[in-house]
Structures are given as structure tokens and as C-alpha cells.
Amino acid sequence: MRNSGKAPTFVVWVISLVLFLVALAAQFGLVRIPEPFATWSWIIGFGLLLAACRIRGL
């Protein structure tokens, strides 16, 4: 199947999901991740997902 819509590809979706899970685990104290990395994982994951919805083929 070809990606004909504006939905993100599976790879981008998985990367965003992993970044979200890292940030979520850091927020609730399940893992110790330094603060800049935990905050930036939210920002990068969400920004990547938003960009993938607008840029065809990403």
C-alpha cells in the first residue's frame, strides 16, 4: 500500500511513540533521565508527529 494521505509513516509514528514513552517514564519517575532530555523528548516527538502530518512522505 502506498502512503497517499497526510498520515505519518509507520517509522515516524514509532519514533514519536518511543519518545513519548521515554518522556512519560521520566515524568512519573519510572526511570532516571536527566531533565533536559526528558523535556526535549516531548518537544521533539510532538513536533516530529506534527511535521509528518503536514509533509507528504515523512
Protein backbone atom coordinates (compact mmCIF):
# COMPACT_ATOMS: atom_id res chain seq x y z
CA MET A 1 0.00 0.00 0.00
CA ARG A 2 1.19 3.45 -0.82
CA ASN A 3 1.05 6.34 1.60
CA SER A 4 -1.34 8.57 -0.32
CA GLY A 5 -2.70 10.66 2.56
CA LYS A 6 -1.11 13.02 5.02
CA ALA A 7 -0.79 10.47 7.82
CA PRO A 8 2.73 9.91 9.16
CA THR A 9 4.60 6.82 8.06
CA PHE A 10 4.88 3.90 10.44
CA VAL A 11 8.55 4.64 11.19
CA VAL A 12 7.84 8.25 12.20
CA TRP A 13 4.89 7.09 14.28
CA VAL A 14 7.06 4.55 16.14
CA ILE A 15 9.82 7.10 16.79
CA SER A 16 7.26 9.56 18.17
CA LEU A 17 5.76 6.82 20.34
CA VAL A 18 9.16 5.86 21.77
CA LEU A 19 9.97 9.50 22.56
CA PHE A 20 6.57 9.85 24.23
CA LEU A 21 7.12 6.74 26.35
CA VAL A 22 10.58 7.97 27.40
CA ALA A 23 9.14 11.32 28.47
CA LEU A 24 6.22 9.64 30.25
CA ALA A 25 8.52 7.28 32.15
CA ALA A 26 10.73 10.20 33.18
CA GLN A 27 7.73 12.27 34.28
CA PHE A 28 6.43 9.57 36.61
CA GLY A 29 9.87 8.60 37.90
CA LEU A 30 9.99 5.10 36.44
CA VAL A 31 13.45 5.78 35.01
CA ARG A 32 16.01 8.43 35.84
CA ILE A 33 16.56 10.59 32.79
CA PRO A 34 18.24 13.99 33.11
CA GLU A 35 15.75 16.83 32.84
CA PRO A 36 16.77 18.36 29.51
CA PHE A 37 16.40 15.00 27.75
CA ALA A 38 13.00 14.28 29.27
CA THR A 39 11.65 17.68 28.28
CA TRP A 40 13.13 17.60 24.79
CA SER A 41 11.72 14.14 24.12
CA TRP A 42 8.21 15.62 24.49
CA ILE A 43 9.03 18.54 22.23
CA ILE A 44 10.82 16.57 19.51
CA GLY A 45 8.29 13.72 19.48
CA PHE A 46 5.30 16.02 19.19
CA GLY A 47 6.99 18.29 16.65
CA LEU A 48 8.02 15.32 14.51
CA LEU A 49 4.47 13.98 14.56
CA LEU A 50 3.03 17.38 13.61
CA ALA A 51 5.57 17.85 10.82
CA ALA A 52 4.90 14.34 9.49
CA CYS A 53 1.20 15.14 9.22
CA ARG A 54 1.94 18.15 7.02
CA ILE A 55 4.88 16.89 4.92
CA ARG A 56 3.93 14.17 2.47
CA GLY A 57 6.13 11.09 2.65
CA LEU A 58 7.70 11.77 6.04
